[in-house]
Amino acid sequence: MLKIAVASEDDQVSGHFGHCKNINIFGIENQQIVTVESIENEGQGCGVLPDMLGRIGVKVIIAGGMGVNPNRIFADKGIEVITGASGDAKAAVEAYLQGRLKSTGALCQEHQHHGECGGH
């Protein structure tokens, strides 16, 4: 089963991976969503989440934006990163499965901001 994770604010794509409220994990079989689970982001930080997602078999992460360090960690683990997404998390996964969601490469260079990074 392919697992796709979406950095989320409830059911919406989060503007920034490291500041998301939860991670929605979609299980995919035959290009269809067959399972959905949500993991709360309890402030583990940008470095812990990529390790945890890699351990549970996630192969794709979708977010509005992401810092350089978590992006590198995901790449080292062979997890595809899609940034620049917005809107409904499930719709983003469906667009990815249909080949309509491509990464914009939206990466944050610094963590001095307090807002969202989805506007890259």
PDB file of N, CA and C in Angstrom:
ATOM      1  N   MET A   1       0.849  -1.181   0.000  1.00  0.00           N
ATOM      2  CA  MET A   1       0.000   0.000   0.000  1.00  0.00           C
ATOM      3  C   MET A   1       0.890   1.239   0.000  1.00  0.00           C
ATOM      4  N   LEU A   2       0.624   2.165  -0.899  1.00  0.00           N
ATOM      5  CA  LEU A   2       1.309   3.449  -0.938  1.00  0.00           C
ATOM      6  C   LEU A   2       0.731   4.335   0.158  1.00  0.00           C
ATOM      7  N   LYS A   3       1.605   5.011   0.907  1.00  0.00           N
ATOM      8  CA  LYS A   3       1.141   5.956   1.923  1.00  0.00           C
ATOM      9  C   LYS A   3       1.585   7.365   1.535  1.00  0.00           C
ATOM     10  N   ILE A   4       0.603   8.266   1.506  1.00  0.00           N
ATOM     11  CA  ILE A   4       0.838   9.674   1.208  1.00  0.00           C
ATOM     12  C   ILE A   4       0.432  10.473   2.431  1.00  0.00           C
ATOM     13  N   ALA A   5       1.350  11.304   2.934  1.00  0.00           N
ATOM     14  CA  ALA A   5       1.074  12.144   4.105  1.00  0.00           C
ATOM     15  C   ALA A   5       0.844  13.586   3.659  1.00  0.00           C
ATOM     16  N   VAL A   6      -0.101  14.240   4.317  1.00  0.00           N
ATOM     17  CA  VAL A   6      -0.378  15.645   4.031  1.00  0.00           C
ATOM     18  C   VAL A   6      -0.278  16.433   5.332  1.00  0.00           C
ATOM     19  N   ALA A   7       0.643  17.403   5.371  1.00  0.00           N
ATOM     20  CA  ALA A   7       0.728  18.315   6.509  1.00  0.00           C
ATOM     21  C   ALA A   7      -0.557  19.135   6.494  1.00  0.00           C
ATOM     22  N   SER A   8      -1.307  19.087   7.597  1.00  0.00           N
ATOM     23  CA  SER A   8      -2.672  19.625   7.566  1.00  0.00           C
ATOM     24  C   SER A   8      -3.025  20.505   8.755  1.00  0.00           C
ATOM     25  N   GLU A   9      -4.065  21.274   8.538  1.00  0.00           N
ATOM     26  CA  GLU A   9      -4.800  21.990   9.576  1.00  0.00           C
ATOM     27  C   GLU A   9      -6.189  21.367   9.508  1.00  0.00           C
ATOM     28  N   ASP A  10      -6.398  20.340  10.307  1.00  0.00           N
ATOM     29  CA  ASP A  10      -7.601  19.508  10.227  1.00  0.00           C
ATOM     30  C   ASP A  10      -7.642  18.840   8.853  1.00  0.00           C
ATOM     31  N   ASP A  11      -8.567  19.250   7.962  1.00  0.00           N
ATOM     32  CA  ASP A  11      -8.682  18.624   6.646  1.00  0.00           C
ATOM     33  C   ASP A  11      -8.107  19.470   5.519  1.00  0.00           C
ATOM     34  N   GLN A  12      -7.472  20.579   5.863  1.00  0.00           N
ATOM     35  CA  GLN A  12      -6.898  21.479   4.857  1.00  0.00           C
ATOM     36  C   GLN A  12      -5.374  21.364   4.846  1.00  0.00           C
ATOM     37  N   VAL A  13      -4.762  21.524   3.675  1.00  0.00           N
ATOM     38  CA  VAL A  13      -3.302  21.494   3.565  1.00  0.00           C
ATOM     39  C   VAL A  13      -2.731  22.666   4.363  1.00  0.00           C
ATOM     40  N   SER A  14      -1.752  22.379   5.206  1.00  0.00           N
ATOM     41  CA  SER A  14      -1.098  23.409   6.015  1.00  0.00           C
ATOM     42  C   SER A  14      -0.145  24.230   5.148  1.00  0.00           C
ATOM     43  N   GLY A  15      -0.032  25.503   5.473  1.00  0.00           N
ATOM     44  CA  GLY A  15       0.887  26.382   4.761  1.00  0.00           C
ATOM     45  C   GLY A  15       2.344  26.068   5.021  1.00  0.00           C
ATOM     46  N   HIS A  16       2.632  25.392   6.131  1.00  0.00           N
ATOM     47  CA  HIS A  16       4.022  25.075   6.468  1.00  0.00           C
ATOM     48  C   HIS A  16       4.085  23.740   7.191  1.00  0.00           C
ATOM     49  N   PHE A  17       4.892  22.840   6.687  1.00  0.00           N
ATOM     50  CA  PHE A  17       5.014  21.496   7.240  1.00  0.00           C
ATOM     51  C   PHE A  17       5.290  21.500   8.736  1.00  0.00           C
ATOM     52  N   GLY A  18       6.296  22.216   9.194  1.00  0.00           N
ATOM     53  CA  GLY A  18       6.721  22.175  10.592  1.00  0.00           C
ATOM     54  C   GLY A  18       5.741  22.781  11.575  1.00  0.00           C
ATOM     55  N   HIS A  19       4.786  23.552  11.080  1.00  0.00           N
ATOM     56  CA  HIS A  19       3.831  24.216  11.963  1.00  0.00           C
ATOM     57  C   HIS A  19       2.433  23.614  11.846  1.00  0.00           C
ATOM     58  N   CYS A  20       2.310  22.496  11.170  1.00  0.00           N
ATOM     59  CA  CYS A  20       0.980  21.916  10.937  1.00  0.00           C
ATOM     60  C   CYS A  20       0.366  21.409  12.241  1.00  0.00           C
ATOM     61  N   LYS A  21      -0.951  21.374  12.266  1.00  0.00           N
ATOM     62  CA  LYS A  21      -1.691  20.862  13.427  1.00  0.00           C
ATOM     63  C   LYS A  21      -1.655  19.340  13.451  1.00  0.00           C
ATOM     64  N   ASN A  22      -1.774  18.732  12.279  1.00  0.00           N
ATOM     65  CA  ASN A  22      -1.814  17.272  12.178  1.00  0.00           C
ATOM     66  C   ASN A  22      -1.269  16.827  10.830  1.00  0.00           C
ATOM     67  N   ILE A  23      -0.984  15.546  10.741  1.00  0.00           N
ATOM     68  CA  ILE A  23      -0.572  14.915   9.489  1.00  0.00           C
ATOM     69  C   ILE A  23      -1.664  13.913   9.124  1.00  0.00           C
ATOM     70  N   ASN A  24      -2.287  14.103   7.965  1.00  0.00           N
ATOM     71  CA  ASN A  24      -3.259  13.141   7.468  1.00  0.00           C
ATOM     72  C   ASN A  24      -2.520  12.152   6.582  1.00  0.00           C
ATOM     73  N   ILE A  25      -2.704  10.870   6.847  1.00  0.00           N
ATOM     74  CA  ILE A  25      -2.016   9.826   6.098  1.00  0.00           C
ATOM     75  C   ILE A  25      -3.051   9.026   5.316  1.00  0.00           C
ATOM     76  N   PHE A  26      -2.880   9.042   4.009  1.00  0.00           N
ATOM     77  CA  PHE A  26      -3.809   8.384   3.095  1.00  0.00           C
ATOM     78  C   PHE A  26      -3.170   7.100   2.579  1.00  0.00           C
ATOM     79  N   GLY A  27      -3.876   5.988   2.752  1.00  0.00           N
ATOM     80  CA  GLY A  27      -3.441   4.708   2.206  1.00  0.00           C
ATOM     81  C   GLY A  27      -4.026   4.535   0.821  1.00  0.00           C
ATOM     82  N   ILE A  28      -3.175   4.206  -0.146  1.00  0.00           N
ATOM     83  CA  ILE A  28      -3.589   4.139  -1.540  1.00  0.00           C
ATOM     84  C   ILE A  28      -3.400   2.727  -2.086  1.00  0.00           C
ATOM     85  N   GLU A  29      -4.426   2.221  -2.732  1.00  0.00           N
ATOM     86  CA  GLU A  29      -4.345   0.961  -3.474  1.00  0.00           C
ATOM     87  C   GLU A  29      -5.054   1.151  -4.805  1.00  0.00           C
ATOM     88  N   ASN A  30      -4.425   0.692  -5.875  1.00  0.00           N
ATOM     89  CA  ASN A  30      -5.007   0.827  -7.214  1.00  0.00           C
ATOM     90  C   ASN A  30      -5.404   2.265  -7.521  1.00  0.00           C
ATOM     91  N   GLN A  31      -4.528   3.208  -7.126  1.00  0.00           N
ATOM     92  CA  GLN A  31      -4.738   4.640  -7.382  1.00  0.00           C
ATOM     93  C   GLN A  31      -5.988   5.200  -6.700  1.00  0.00           C
ATOM     94  N   GLN A  32      -6.482   4.514  -5.663  1.00  0.00           N
ATOM     95  CA  GLN A  32      -7.664   4.964  -4.920  1.00  0.00           C
ATOM     96  C   GLN A  32      -7.325   5.081  -3.439  1.00  0.00           C
ATOM     97  N   ILE A  33      -7.899   6.073  -2.777  1.00  0.00           N
ATOM     98  CA  ILE A  33      -7.740   6.217  -1.334  1.00  0.00           C
ATOM     99  C   ILE A  33      -8.580   5.146  -0.655  1.00  0.00           C
ATOM    100  N   VAL A  34      -7.931   4.315   0.162  1.00  0.00           N
ATOM    101  CA  VAL A  34      -8.661   3.244   0.848  1.00  0.00           C
ATOM    102  C   VAL A  34      -8.657   3.414   2.365  1.00  0.00           C
ATOM    103  N   THR A  35      -7.703   4.167   2.903  1.00  0.00           N
ATOM    104  CA  THR A  35      -7.675   4.444   4.339  1.00  0.00           C
ATOM    105  C   THR A  35      -7.219   5.876   4.571  1.00  0.00           C
ATOM    106  N   VAL A  36      -7.667   6.452   5.687  1.00  0.00           N
ATOM    107  CA  VAL A  36      -7.225   7.774   6.111  1.00  0.00           C
ATOM    108  C   VAL A  36      -7.059   7.737   7.621  1.00  0.00           C
ATOM    109  N   GLU A  37      -5.910   8.209   8.092  1.00  0.00           N
ATOM    110  CA  GLU A  37      -5.712   8.367   9.527  1.00  0.00           C
ATOM    111  C   GLU A  37      -5.056   9.718   9.769  1.00  0.00           C
ATOM    112  N   SER A  38      -5.199  10.227  10.970  1.00  0.00           N
ATOM    113  CA  SER A  38      -4.629  11.516  11.311  1.00  0.00           C
ATOM    114  C   SER A  38      -3.756  11.374  12.548  1.00  0.00           C
ATOM    115  N   ILE A  39      -2.579  11.974  12.480  1.00  0.00           N
ATOM    116  CA  ILE A  39      -1.643  11.989  13.604  1.00  0.00           C
ATOM    117  C   ILE A  39      -1.468  13.436  14.024  1.00  0.00           C
ATOM    118  N   GLU A  40      -1.699  13.727  15.287  1.00  0.00           N
ATOM    119  CA  GLU A  40      -1.523  15.088  15.788  1.00  0.00           C
ATOM    120  C   GLU A  40      -0.038  15.447  15.809  1.00  0.00           C
ATOM    121  N   ASN A  41       0.272  16.680  15.440  1.00  0.00           N
ATOM    122  CA  ASN A  41       1.633  17.204  15.570  1.00  0.00           C
ATOM    123  C   ASN A  41       1.722  17.811  16.960  1.00  0.00           C
ATOM    124  N   GLU A  42       2.379  17.124  17.841  1.00  0.00           N
ATOM    125  CA  GLU A  42       2.472  17.566  19.233  1.00  0.00           C
ATOM    126  C   GLU A  42       3.741  18.372  19.484  1.00  0.00           C
ATOM    127  N   GLY A  43       4.181  19.092  18.464  1.00  0.00           N
ATOM    128  CA  GLY A  43       5.361  19.935  18.610  1.00  0.00           C
ATOM    129  C   GLY A  43       6.657  19.162  18.576  1.00  0.00           C
ATOM    130  N   GLN A  44       6.648  17.996  17.905  1.00  0.00           N
ATOM    131  CA  GLN A  44       7.853  17.179  17.844  1.00  0.00           C
ATOM    132  C   GLN A  44       8.970  17.882  17.088  1.00  0.00           C
ATOM    133  N   GLY A  45       8.635  18.799  16.237  1.00  0.00           N
ATOM    134  CA  GLY A  45       9.637  19.517  15.470  1.00  0.00           C
ATOM    135  C   GLY A  45       9.829  18.928  14.087  1.00  0.00           C
ATOM    136  N   CYS A  46      10.440  19.734  13.246  1.00  0.00           N
ATOM    137  CA  CYS A  46      10.600  19.373  11.834  1.00  0.00           C
ATOM    138  C   CYS A  46      11.520  18.183  11.623  1.00  0.00           C
ATOM    139  N   GLY A  47      12.433  17.914  12.544  1.00  0.00           N
ATOM    140  CA  GLY A  47      13.357  16.801  12.375  1.00  0.00           C
ATOM    141  C   GLY A  47      12.773  15.471  12.776  1.00  0.00           C
ATOM    142  N   VAL A  48      11.878  15.466  13.757  1.00  0.00           N
ATOM    143  CA  VAL A  48      11.302  14.213  14.260  1.00  0.00           C
ATOM    144  C   VAL A  48      10.239  13.672  13.312  1.00  0.00           C
ATOM    145  N   LEU A  49       9.418  14.535  12.766  1.00  0.00           N
ATOM    146  CA  LEU A  49       8.319  14.087  11.900  1.00  0.00           C
ATOM    147  C   LEU A  49       8.805  13.319  10.662  1.00  0.00           C
ATOM    148  N   PRO A  50       9.837  13.783   9.945  1.00  0.00           N
ATOM    149  CA  PRO A  50      10.295  12.997   8.794  1.00  0.00           C
ATOM    150  C   PRO A  50      10.750  11.587   9.185  1.00  0.00           C
ATOM    151  N   ASP A  51      11.428  11.450  10.319  1.00  0.00           N
ATOM    152  CA  ASP A  51      11.854  10.126  10.778  1.00  0.00           C
ATOM    153  C   ASP A  51      10.655   9.237  11.058  1.00  0.00           C
ATOM    154  N   MET A  52       9.667   9.770  11.769  1.00  0.00           N
ATOM    155  CA  MET A  52       8.479   8.999  12.112  1.00  0.00           C
ATOM    156  C   MET A  52       7.709   8.602  10.857  1.00  0.00           C
ATOM    157  N   LEU A  53       7.543   9.523   9.918  1.00  0.00           N
ATOM    158  CA  LEU A  53       6.807   9.215   8.692  1.00  0.00           C
ATOM    159  C   LEU A  53       7.548   8.174   7.855  1.00  0.00           C
ATOM    160  N   GLY A  54       8.874   8.254   7.827  1.00  0.00           N
ATOM    161  CA  GLY A  54       9.660   7.251   7.123  1.00  0.00           C
ATOM    162  C   GLY A  54       9.501   5.872   7.737  1.00  0.00           C
ATOM    163  N   ARG A  55       9.478   5.806   9.066  1.00  0.00           N
ATOM    164  CA  ARG A  55       9.331   4.523   9.764  1.00  0.00           C
ATOM    165  C   ARG A  55       7.992   3.848   9.469  1.00  0.00           C
ATOM    166  N   ILE A  56       6.942   4.651   9.258  1.00  0.00           N
ATOM    167  CA  ILE A  56       5.629   4.036   9.012  1.00  0.00           C
ATOM    168  C   ILE A  56       5.361   3.805   7.523  1.00  0.00           C
ATOM    169  N   GLY A  57       6.347   4.103   6.679  1.00  0.00           N
ATOM    170  CA  GLY A  57       6.237   3.754   5.268  1.00  0.00           C
ATOM    171  C   GLY A  57       5.673   4.806   4.338  1.00  0.00           C
ATOM    172  N   VAL A  58       5.647   6.067   4.767  1.00  0.00           N
ATOM    173  CA  VAL A  58       5.180   7.145   3.890  1.00  0.00           C
ATOM    174  C   VAL A  58       6.177   7.312   2.744  1.00  0.00           C
ATOM    175  N   LYS A  59       5.665   7.452   1.515  1.00  0.00           N
ATOM    176  CA  LYS A  59       6.520   7.614   0.334  1.00  0.00           C
ATOM    177  C   LYS A  59       6.404   8.994  -0.301  1.00  0.00           C
ATOM    178  N   VAL A  60       5.341   9.753   0.088  1.00  0.00           N
ATOM    179  CA  VAL A  60       5.113  11.091  -0.456  1.00  0.00           C
ATOM    180  C   VAL A  60       4.613  11.972   0.678  1.00  0.00           C
ATOM    181  N   ILE A  61       5.126  13.219   0.767  1.00  0.00           N
ATOM    182  CA  ILE A  61       4.617  14.208   1.721  1.00  0.00           C
ATOM    183  C   ILE A  61       4.180  15.436   0.922  1.00  0.00           C
ATOM    184  N   ILE A  62       2.994  15.922   1.230  1.00  0.00           N
ATOM    185  CA  ILE A  62       2.429  17.095   0.566  1.00  0.00           C
ATOM    186  C   ILE A  62       2.258  18.187   1.613  1.00  0.00           C
ATOM    187  N   ALA A  63       2.682  19.422   1.285  1.00  0.00           N
ATOM    188  CA  ALA A  63       2.550  20.564   2.196  1.00  0.00           C
ATOM    189  C   ALA A  63       2.498  21.849   1.379  1.00  0.00           C
ATOM    190  N   GLY A  64       2.111  22.924   2.053  1.00  0.00           N
ATOM    191  CA  GLY A  64       2.155  24.228   1.403  1.00  0.00           C
ATOM    192  C   GLY A  64       3.581  24.686   1.234  1.00  0.00           C
ATOM    193  N   GLY A  65       4.345  24.606   2.309  1.00  0.00           N
ATOM    194  CA  GLY A  65       5.759  24.971   2.303  1.00  0.00           C
ATOM    195  C   GLY A  65       6.499  24.105   3.297  1.00  0.00           C
ATOM    196  N   MET A  66       7.825  24.177   3.246  1.00  0.00           N
ATOM    197  CA  MET A  66       8.638  23.322   4.107  1.00  0.00           C
ATOM    198  C   MET A  66      10.015  23.952   4.252  1.00  0.00           C
ATOM    199  N   GLY A  67      10.618  23.750   5.402  1.00  0.00           N
ATOM    200  CA  GLY A  67      11.977  24.212   5.620  1.00  0.00           C
ATOM    201  C   GLY A  67      12.987  23.372   4.858  1.00  0.00           C
ATOM    202  N   VAL A  68      14.163  23.920   4.669  1.00  0.00           N
ATOM    203  CA  VAL A  68      15.230  23.240   3.947  1.00  0.00           C
ATOM    204  C   VAL A  68      15.640  21.947   4.656  1.00  0.00           C
ATOM    205  N   ASN A  69      15.761  21.976   5.983  1.00  0.00           N
ATOM    206  CA  ASN A  69      16.223  20.787   6.716  1.00  0.00           C
ATOM    207  C   ASN A  69      15.263  19.607   6.612  1.00  0.00           C
ATOM    208  N   PRO A  70      13.956  19.763   6.889  1.00  0.00           N
ATOM    209  CA  PRO A  70      13.085  18.609   6.722  1.00  0.00           C
ATOM    210  C   PRO A  70      13.037  18.128   5.271  1.00  0.00           C
ATOM    211  N   ASN A  71      13.118  19.059   4.319  1.00  0.00           N
ATOM    212  CA  ASN A  71      13.134  18.663   2.913  1.00  0.00           C
ATOM    213  C   ASN A  71      14.334  17.750   2.638  1.00  0.00           C
ATOM    214  N   ARG A  72      15.495  18.098   3.181  1.00  0.00           N
ATOM    215  CA  ARG A  72      16.701  17.283   3.009  1.00  0.00           C
ATOM    216  C   ARG A  72      16.541  15.917   3.664  1.00  0.00           C
ATOM    217  N   ILE A  73      15.951  15.885   4.880  1.00  0.00           N
ATOM    218  CA  ILE A  73      15.752  14.621   5.586  1.00  0.00           C
ATOM    219  C   ILE A  73      14.819  13.707   4.779  1.00  0.00           C
ATOM    220  N   PHE A  74      13.734  14.281   4.254  1.00  0.00           N
ATOM    221  CA  PHE A  74      12.824  13.487   3.431  1.00  0.00           C
ATOM    222  C   PHE A  74      13.550  12.935   2.206  1.00  0.00           C
ATOM    223  N   ALA A  75      14.339  13.782   1.539  1.00  0.00           N
ATOM    224  CA  ALA A  75      15.080  13.336   0.354  1.00  0.00           C
ATOM    225  C   ALA A  75      16.032  12.205   0.710  1.00  0.00           C
ATOM    226  N   ASP A  76      16.719  12.319   1.848  1.00  0.00           N
ATOM    227  CA  ASP A  76      17.642  11.267   2.289  1.00  0.00           C
ATOM    228  C   ASP A  76      16.916   9.948   2.534  1.00  0.00           C
ATOM    229  N   LYS A  77      15.650  10.020   2.899  1.00  0.00           N
ATOM    230  CA  LYS A  77      14.855   8.815   3.176  1.00  0.00           C
ATOM    231  C   LYS A  77      14.127   8.307   1.931  1.00  0.00           C
ATOM    232  N   GLY A  78      14.317   8.994   0.800  1.00  0.00           N
ATOM    233  CA  GLY A  78      13.651   8.580  -0.431  1.00  0.00           C
ATOM    234  C   GLY A  78      12.176   8.915  -0.472  1.00  0.00           C
ATOM    235  N   ILE A  79      11.763   9.898   0.328  1.00  0.00           N
ATOM    236  CA  ILE A  79      10.361  10.321   0.360  1.00  0.00           C
ATOM    237  C   ILE A  79      10.202  11.543  -0.545  1.00  0.00           C
ATOM    238  N   GLU A  80       9.288  11.453  -1.489  1.00  0.00           N
ATOM    239  CA  GLU A  80       9.039  12.550  -2.420  1.00  0.00           C
ATOM    240  C   GLU A  80       8.343  13.697  -1.694  1.00  0.00           C
ATOM    241  N   VAL A  81       8.816  14.923  -1.925  1.00  0.00           N
ATOM    242  CA  VAL A  81       8.242  16.112  -1.298  1.00  0.00           C
ATOM    243  C   VAL A  81       7.508  16.930  -2.365  1.00  0.00           C
ATOM    244  N   ILE A  82       6.247  17.229  -2.071  1.00  0.00           N
ATOM    245  CA  ILE A  82       5.439  18.089  -2.935  1.00  0.00           C
ATOM    246  C   ILE A  82       5.081  19.321  -2.113  1.00  0.00           C
ATOM    247  N   THR A  83       5.588  20.488  -2.500  1.00  0.00           N
ATOM    248  CA  THR A  83       5.240  21.734  -1.810  1.00  0.00           C
ATOM    249  C   THR A  83       4.460  22.634  -2.770  1.00  0.00           C
ATOM    250  N   GLY A  84       3.822  23.646  -2.189  1.00  0.00           N
ATOM    251  CA  GLY A  84       3.020  24.576  -2.971  1.00  0.00           C
ATOM    252  C   GLY A  84       1.555  24.180  -3.046  1.00  0.00           C
ATOM    253  N   ALA A  85       1.183  23.127  -2.317  1.00  0.00           N
ATOM    254  CA  ALA A  85      -0.211  22.670  -2.324  1.00  0.00           C
ATOM    255  C   ALA A  85      -1.065  23.534  -1.393  1.00  0.00           C
ATOM    256  N   SER A  86      -2.354  23.541  -1.621  1.00  0.00           N
ATOM    257  CA  SER A  86      -3.293  24.261  -0.749  1.00  0.00           C
ATOM    258  C   SER A  86      -4.667  23.626  -0.904  1.00  0.00           C
ATOM    259  N   GLY A  87      -5.579  24.039  -0.028  1.00  0.00           N
ATOM    260  CA  GLY A  87      -6.954  23.547  -0.111  1.00  0.00           C
ATOM    261  C   GLY A  87      -7.167  22.255   0.643  1.00  0.00           C
ATOM    262  N   ASP A  88      -8.145  21.502   0.217  1.00  0.00           N
ATOM    263  CA  ASP A  88      -8.555  20.260   0.867  1.00  0.00           C
ATOM    264  C   ASP A  88      -7.464  19.192   0.723  1.00  0.00           C
ATOM    265  N   ALA A  89      -7.098  18.556   1.838  1.00  0.00           N
ATOM    266  CA  ALA A  89      -6.027  17.551   1.845  1.00  0.00           C
ATOM    267  C   ALA A  89      -6.365  16.359   0.942  1.00  0.00           C
ATOM    268  N   LYS A  90      -7.575  15.850   1.044  1.00  0.00           N
ATOM    269  CA  LYS A  90      -7.976  14.707   0.218  1.00  0.00           C
ATOM    270  C   LYS A  90      -7.928  15.074  -1.264  1.00  0.00           C
ATOM    271  N   ALA A  91      -8.387  16.261  -1.602  1.00  0.00           N
ATOM    272  CA  ALA A  91      -8.363  16.712  -2.998  1.00  0.00           C
ATOM    273  C   ALA A  91      -6.924  16.833  -3.498  1.00  0.00           C
ATOM    274  N   ALA A  92      -6.009  17.249  -2.624  1.00  0.00           N
ATOM    275  CA  ALA A  92      -4.593  17.346  -3.007  1.00  0.00           C
ATOM    276  C   ALA A  92      -4.041  15.966  -3.328  1.00  0.00           C
ATOM    277  N   VAL A  93      -4.372  14.972  -2.513  1.00  0.00           N
ATOM    278  CA  VAL A  93      -3.917  13.598  -2.765  1.00  0.00           C
ATOM    279  C   VAL A  93      -4.507  13.086  -4.075  1.00  0.00           C
ATOM    280  N   GLU A  94      -5.776  13.328  -4.291  1.00  0.00           N
ATOM    281  CA  GLU A  94      -6.406  12.882  -5.539  1.00  0.00           C
ATOM    282  C   GLU A  94      -5.749  13.548  -6.752  1.00  0.00           C
ATOM    283  N   ALA A  95      -5.435  14.848  -6.645  1.00  0.00           N
ATOM    284  CA  ALA A  95      -4.758  15.558  -7.738  1.00  0.00           C
ATOM    285  C   ALA A  95      -3.366  14.962  -7.976  1.00  0.00           C
ATOM    286  N   TYR A  96      -2.660  14.612  -6.911  1.00  0.00           N
ATOM    287  CA  TYR A  96      -1.350  13.976  -7.044  1.00  0.00           C
ATOM    288  C   TYR A  96      -1.487  12.636  -7.779  1.00  0.00           C
ATOM    289  N   LEU A  97      -2.459  11.842  -7.381  1.00  0.00           N
ATOM    290  CA  LEU A  97      -2.657  10.529  -8.004  1.00  0.00           C
ATOM    291  C   LEU A  97      -3.015  10.648  -9.486  1.00  0.00           C
ATOM    292  N   GLN A  98      -3.667  11.737  -9.856  1.00  0.00           N
ATOM    293  CA  GLN A  98      -4.054  11.967 -11.254  1.00  0.00           C
ATOM    294  C   GLN A  98      -2.952  12.680 -12.045  1.00  0.00           C
ATOM    295  N   GLY A  99      -1.823  12.975 -11.381  1.00  0.00           N
ATOM    296  CA  GLY A  99      -0.715  13.648 -12.051  1.00  0.00           C
ATOM    297  C   GLY A  99      -0.915  15.139 -12.224  1.00  0.00           C
ATOM    298  N   ARG A 100      -1.886  15.715 -11.514  1.00  0.00           N
ATOM    299  CA  ARG A 100      -2.192  17.147 -11.640  1.00  0.00           C
ATOM    300  C   ARG A 100      -1.537  18.005 -10.572  1.00  0.00           C
ATOM    301  N   LEU A 101      -0.910  17.392  -9.551  1.00  0.00           N
ATOM    302  CA  LEU A 101      -0.270  18.160  -8.487  1.00  0.00           C
ATOM    303  C   LEU A 101       1.242  18.002  -8.615  1.00  0.00           C
ATOM    304  N   LYS A 102       1.906  19.101  -8.917  1.00  0.00           N
ATOM    305  CA  LYS A 102       3.360  19.119  -9.056  1.00  0.00           C
ATOM    306  C   LYS A 102       3.941  20.055  -8.000  1.00  0.00           C
ATOM    307  N   SER A 103       5.115  19.746  -7.542  1.00  0.00           N
ATOM    308  CA  SER A 103       5.761  20.569  -6.526  1.00  0.00           C
ATOM    309  C   SER A 103       6.216  21.901  -7.113  1.00  0.00           C
ATOM    310  N   THR A 104       6.024  22.959  -6.321  1.00  0.00           N
ATOM    311  CA  THR A 104       6.541  24.273  -6.711  1.00  0.00           C
ATOM    312  C   THR A 104       7.934  24.493  -6.134  1.00  0.00           C
ATOM    313  N   GLY A 105       8.380  23.585  -5.258  1.00  0.00           N
ATOM    314  CA  GLY A 105       9.689  23.737  -4.632  1.00  0.00           C
ATOM    315  C   GLY A 105       9.705  24.795  -3.540  1.00  0.00           C
ATOM    316  N   ALA A 106       8.533  25.117  -2.970  1.00  0.00           N
ATOM    317  CA  ALA A 106       8.422  26.149  -1.936  1.00  0.00           C
ATOM    318  C   ALA A 106       9.159  25.718  -0.670  1.00  0.00           C
ATOM    319  N   LEU A 107      10.344  26.313  -0.441  1.00  0.00           N
ATOM    320  CA  LEU A 107      11.141  25.998   0.743  1.00  0.00           C
ATOM    321  C   LEU A 107      11.419  27.261   1.537  1.00  0.00           C
ATOM    322  N   CYS A 108      11.288  27.163   2.850  1.00  0.00           N
ATOM    323  CA  CYS A 108      11.606  28.272   3.752  1.00  0.00           C
ATOM    324  C   CYS A 108      13.088  28.203   4.084  1.00  0.00           C
ATOM    325  N   GLN A 109      13.745  29.322   4.055  1.00  0.00           N
ATOM    326  CA  GLN A 109      15.173  29.372   4.357  1.00  0.00           C
ATOM    327  C   GLN A 109      15.446  29.603   5.835  1.00  0.00           C
ATOM    328  N   GLU A 110      14.497  30.227   6.542  1.00  0.00           N
ATOM    329  CA  GLU A 110      14.708  30.567   7.941  1.00  0.00           C
ATOM    330  C   GLU A 110      13.458  30.272   8.744  1.00  0.00           C
ATOM    331  N   HIS A 111      13.620  30.146  10.050  1.00  0.00           N
ATOM    332  CA  HIS A 111      12.479  29.905  10.944  1.00  0.00           C
ATOM    333  C   HIS A 111      12.169  31.136  11.789  1.00  0.00           C
ATOM    334  N   GLN A 112      12.498  32.312  11.294  1.00  0.00           N
ATOM    335  CA  GLN A 112      12.235  33.521  12.059  1.00  0.00           C
ATOM    336  C   GLN A 112      10.806  34.007  11.884  1.00  0.00           C
ATOM    337  N   HIS A 113      10.115  33.467  10.919  1.00  0.00           N
ATOM    338  CA  HIS A 113       8.738  33.907  10.656  1.00  0.00           C
ATOM    339  C   HIS A 113       7.780  33.292  11.685  1.00  0.00           C
ATOM    340  N   HIS A 114       6.648  33.902  11.804  1.00  0.00           N
ATOM    341  CA  HIS A 114       5.619  33.377  12.693  1.00  0.00           C
ATOM    342  C   HIS A 114       4.359  33.010  11.925  1.00  0.00           C
ATOM    343  N   GLY A 115       4.341  33.310  10.636  1.00  0.00           N
ATOM    344  CA  GLY A 115       3.153  33.041   9.833  1.00  0.00           C
ATOM    345  C   GLY A 115       3.309  31.795   8.998  1.00  0.00           C
ATOM    346  N   GLU A 116       2.502  31.720   7.987  1.00  0.00           N
ATOM    347  CA  GLU A 116       2.508  30.565   7.094  1.00  0.00           C
ATOM    348  C   GLU A 116       3.498  30.799   5.964  1.00  0.00           C
ATOM    349  N   CYS A 117       3.960  29.722   5.349  1.00  0.00           N
ATOM    350  CA  CYS A 117       4.932  29.805   4.264  1.00  0.00           C
ATOM    351  C   CYS A 117       4.353  29.391   2.934  1.00  0.00           C
ATOM    352  N   GLY A 118       3.069  29.215   2.855  1.00  0.00           N
ATOM    353  CA  GLY A 118       2.464  28.722   1.623  1.00  0.00           C
ATOM    354  C   GLY A 118       2.524  29.692   0.474  1.00  0.00           C
ATOM    355  N   GLY A 119       2.880  30.938   0.727  1.00  0.00           N
ATOM    356  CA  GLY A 119       2.891  31.935  -0.335  1.00  0.00           C
ATOM    357  C   GLY A 119       4.183  32.034  -1.085  1.00  0.00           C
ATOM    358  N   HIS A 120       5.041  31.041  -1.020  1.00  0.00           N
ATOM    359  CA  HIS A 120       6.343  31.080  -1.708  1.00  0.00           C
ATOM    360  C   HIS A 120       6.145  31.210  -3.186  1.00  0.00           C
TER     361      HIS A 120
END
